[in-house]
C-alpha atoms as a PDB file:
ATOM      1  CA  MET A   1     -11.429 -21.857  -1.721  1.00  0.00           C
ATOM      2  CA  TRP A   2      -8.552 -22.113   0.713  1.00  0.00           C
ATOM      3  CA  ASN A   3      -5.283 -23.295  -0.787  1.00  0.00           C
ATOM      4  CA  SER A   4      -3.136 -24.713   1.999  1.00  0.00           C
ATOM      5  CA  ASN A   5      -0.085 -24.587  -0.271  1.00  0.00           C
ATOM      6  CA  LEU A   6       0.000 -20.773  -0.222  1.00  0.00           C
ATOM      7  CA  SER A   7       2.486 -19.076   2.052  1.00  0.00           C
ATOM      8  CA  GLU A   8       1.142 -16.461   4.464  1.00  0.00           C
ATOM      9  CA  SER A   9       2.516 -13.733   2.205  1.00  0.00           C
ATOM     10  CA  GLU A  10       0.875 -15.207  -0.895  1.00  0.00           C
ATOM     11  CA  LEU A  11      -2.404 -15.673   0.934  1.00  0.00           C
ATOM     12  CA  LEU A  12      -2.330 -12.104   2.208  1.00  0.00           C
ATOM     13  CA  LYS A  13      -1.582 -10.835  -1.290  1.00  0.00           C
ATOM     14  CA  SER A  14      -4.355 -12.920  -2.863  1.00  0.00           C
ATOM     15  CA  LEU A  15      -6.889 -11.491  -0.402  1.00  0.00           C
ATOM     16  CA  LEU A  16      -5.726  -7.956   0.222  1.00  0.00           C
ATOM     17  CA  GLU A  17      -4.959  -6.773  -3.303  1.00  0.00           C
ATOM     18  CA  PRO A  18      -8.464  -7.469  -4.668  1.00  0.00           C
ATOM     19  CA  LEU A  19     -10.011  -5.979  -1.539  1.00  0.00           C
ATOM     20  CA  LEU A  20      -8.031  -2.755  -1.953  1.00  0.00           C
ATOM     21  CA  ASP A  21      -8.991  -2.710  -5.649  1.00  0.00           C
ATOM     22  CA  ASP A  22     -12.647  -3.012  -4.657  1.00  0.00           C
ATOM     23  CA  PHE A  23     -12.390  -0.168  -2.169  1.00  0.00           C
ATOM     24  CA  GLN A  24     -10.766   2.069  -4.768  1.00  0.00           C
ATOM     25  CA  TYR A  25     -13.452   1.149  -7.307  1.00  0.00           C
ATOM     26  CA  TRP A  26     -16.389   1.908  -5.016  1.00  0.00           C
ATOM     27  CA  PHE A  27     -14.856   5.080  -3.587  1.00  0.00           C
ATOM     28  CA  SER A  28     -14.078   6.310  -7.094  1.00  0.00           C
ATOM     29  CA  GLY A  29     -17.701   5.808  -8.123  1.00  0.00           C
ATOM     30  CA  ALA A  30     -18.950   7.544  -4.994  1.00  0.00           C
ATOM     31  CA  HIS A  31     -16.540  10.430  -5.544  1.00  0.00           C
ATOM     32  CA  SER A  32     -17.784  10.831  -9.107  1.00  0.00           C
ATOM     33  CA  LEU A  33     -21.429  10.794  -8.045  1.00  0.00           C
ATOM     34  CA  LEU A  34     -20.884  13.250  -5.202  1.00  0.00           C
ATOM     35  CA  THR A  35     -18.941  15.712  -7.354  1.00  0.00           C
ATOM     36  CA  THR A  36     -21.208  15.662 -10.397  1.00  0.00           C
ATOM     37  CA  GLU A  37     -24.720  15.409  -8.971  1.00  0.00           C
ATOM     38  CA  VAL A  38     -26.833  17.159  -6.373  1.00  0.00           C
ATOM     39  CA  ILE A  39     -28.088  14.475  -4.015  1.00  0.00           C
ATOM     40  CA  THR A  40     -31.380  15.877  -2.787  1.00  0.00           C
ATOM     41  CA  SER A  41     -31.716  13.204  -0.096  1.00  0.00           C
ATOM     42  CA  LEU A  42     -28.630  14.764   1.463  1.00  0.00           C
ATOM     43  CA  GLY A  43     -28.308  18.370   2.413  1.00  0.00           C
ATOM     44  CA  THR A  44     -25.465  20.375   0.936  1.00  0.00           C
ATOM     45  CA  ASP A  45     -23.447  20.025   4.130  1.00  0.00           C
ATOM     46  CA  GLN A  46     -24.088  16.277   4.362  1.00  0.00           C
ATOM     47  CA  GLN A  47     -23.041  15.785   0.739  1.00  0.00           C
ATOM     48  CA  ALA A  48     -19.862  17.792   1.317  1.00  0.00           C
ATOM     49  CA  ASP A  49     -19.134  15.779   4.472  1.00  0.00           C
ATOM     50  CA  LEU A  50     -19.647  12.472   2.670  1.00  0.00           C
ATOM     51  CA  LEU A  51     -17.430  13.629  -0.194  1.00  0.00           C
ATOM     52  CA  ALA A  52     -14.706  14.628   2.274  1.00  0.00           C
ATOM     53  CA  ARG A  53     -14.910  11.217   3.979  1.00  0.00           C
ATOM     54  CA  VAL A  54     -14.767   9.415   0.623  1.00  0.00           C
ATOM     55  CA  THR A  55     -11.758  11.500  -0.433  1.00  0.00           C
ATOM     56  CA  GLN A  56     -10.031  10.712   2.869  1.00  0.00           C
ATOM     57  CA  ALA A  57     -10.770   7.004   2.471  1.00  0.00           C
ATOM     58  CA  GLN A  58      -9.373   7.060  -1.075  1.00  0.00           C
ATOM     59  CA  GLN A  59      -6.140   8.525   0.282  1.00  0.00           C
ATOM     60  CA  GLU A  60      -6.001   5.950   3.067  1.00  0.00           C
ATOM     61  CA  VAL A  61      -6.559   3.062   0.650  1.00  0.00           C
ATOM     62  CA  ALA A  62      -3.885   4.450  -1.685  1.00  0.00           C
ATOM     63  CA  ALA A  63      -1.450   4.696   1.232  1.00  0.00           C
ATOM     64  CA  ALA A  64      -2.239   1.148   2.361  1.00  0.00           C
ATOM     65  CA  ARG A  65      -1.749  -0.104  -1.185  1.00  0.00           C
ATOM     66  CA  ALA A  66       1.581   1.702  -1.500  1.00  0.00           C
ATOM     67  CA  LEU A  67       2.813   0.298   1.802  1.00  0.00           C
ATOM     68  CA  PHE A  68       1.685  -3.172   0.815  1.00  0.00           C
ATOM     69  CA  GLN A  69       3.507  -2.924  -2.521  1.00  0.00           C
ATOM     70  CA  VAL A  70       6.687  -1.390  -1.089  1.00  0.00           C
ATOM     71  CA  THR A  71       6.962  -4.192   1.454  1.00  0.00           C
ATOM     72  CA  ASN A  72       6.259  -6.787  -1.248  1.00  0.00           C
ATOM     73  CA  GLY A  73       3.135  -7.978   0.502  1.00  0.00           C
ATOM     74  CA  GLN A  74       4.754  -8.390   3.898  1.00  0.00           C
ATOM     75  CA  VAL A  75       2.487  -5.856   5.627  1.00  0.00           C
ATOM     76  CA  GLY A  76      -1.193  -6.440   6.211  1.00  0.00           C
ATOM     77  CA  ILE A  77      -3.983  -4.171   7.351  1.00  0.00           C
ATOM     78  CA  GLU A  78      -5.717  -4.463  10.688  1.00  0.00           C
ATOM     79  CA  ALA A  79      -9.382  -5.374  10.500  1.00  0.00           C
ATOM     80  CA  SER A  80     -10.108  -2.311  12.616  1.00  0.00           C
ATOM     81  CA  ALA A  81      -8.786  -0.171   9.735  1.00  0.00           C
ATOM     82  CA  LEU A  82     -10.916  -1.999   7.165  1.00  0.00           C
ATOM     83  CA  LEU A  83     -14.204  -1.722   9.044  1.00  0.00           C
ATOM     84  CA  PRO A  84     -14.663   2.048   8.561  1.00  0.00           C
ATOM     85  CA  TRP A  85     -14.031   1.606   4.827  1.00  0.00           C
ATOM     86  CA  HIS A  86     -16.651  -1.124   4.652  1.00  0.00           C
ATOM     87  CA  GLN A  87     -19.108   1.073   6.523  1.00  0.00           C
ATOM     88  CA  LEU A  88     -18.408   4.019   4.226  1.00  0.00           C
ATOM     89  CA  VAL A  89     -18.901   1.888   1.107  1.00  0.00           C
ATOM     90  CA  SER A  90     -22.219   0.723   2.538  1.00  0.00           C
ATOM     91  CA  GLU A  91     -23.250   4.307   3.226  1.00  0.00           C
ATOM     92  CA  CYS A  92     -22.317   5.287  -0.329  1.00  0.00           C
ATOM     93  CA  TRP A  93     -24.329   2.395  -1.771  1.00  0.00           C
ATOM     94  CA  LYS A  94     -27.349   3.571   0.211  1.00  0.00           C
ATOM     95  CA  VAL A  95     -26.971   7.149  -1.027  1.00  0.00           C
ATOM     96  CA  SER A  96     -26.561   5.930  -4.603  1.00  0.00           C
ATOM     97  CA  ALA A  97     -29.667   3.752  -4.339  1.00  0.00           C
ATOM     98  CA  GLN A  98     -31.681   6.667  -2.959  1.00  0.00           C
ATOM     99  CA  TYR A  99     -30.386   8.883  -5.744  1.00  0.00           C
ATOM    100  CA  ARG A 100     -31.320   6.355  -8.417  1.00  0.00           C
ATOM    101  CA  SER A 101     -34.745   5.880  -6.880  1.00  0.00           C
ATOM    102  CA  SER A 102     -35.394   9.622  -6.887  1.00  0.00           C
ATOM    103  CA  GLN A 103     -34.201   9.851 -10.495  1.00  0.00           C
ATOM    104  CA  SER A 104     -36.432   7.009 -11.660  1.00  0.00           C
ATOM    105  CA  LYS A 105     -39.458   8.552  -9.975  1.00  0.00           C
ATOM    106  CA  GLY A 106     -38.780  11.743 -11.870  1.00  0.00           C
ATOM    107  CA  ASN A 107     -38.504   9.771 -15.143  1.00  0.00           C
ATOM    108  CA  THR A 108     -35.057  11.233 -15.705  1.00  0.00           C
ATOM    109  CA  GLN A 109     -32.836   9.358 -18.133  1.00  0.00           C
ATOM    110  CA  THR A 110     -29.749   9.900 -15.991  1.00  0.00           C
ATOM    111  CA  ASP A 111     -28.057   6.655 -14.997  1.00  0.00           C
ATOM    112  CA  VAL A 112     -25.455   7.971 -12.625  1.00  0.00           C
ATOM    113  CA  GLY A 113     -24.622   5.932  -9.592  1.00  0.00           C
ATOM    114  CA  ILE A 114     -21.937   4.004  -7.897  1.00  0.00           C
ATOM    115  CA  GLU A 115     -21.070   1.162 -10.246  1.00  0.00           C
END
């Protein structure tokens, strides 16, 4: 719920820090999945491309976090920078769901995914 007593800086910090944490969490899970498993729904090149994009996004999020912390929450992030991260997380969720579905159909006990 909106707290009108928060300054702009406090509001930005209360929204942006958890969002950056979430991005790091989901990208870390995707990175782990893509480096430890063969995703048959993706070709080798597609899996490598997705892994490269996830790695790049992790670096971008880390840089945004560092800038945010160095400026003591005085710097925000443009929505246009966040949108590609959201889209990539969504793509990773889809790949993870497909992977889990293929694993469950094969009655494999592996429970690897993005979580």
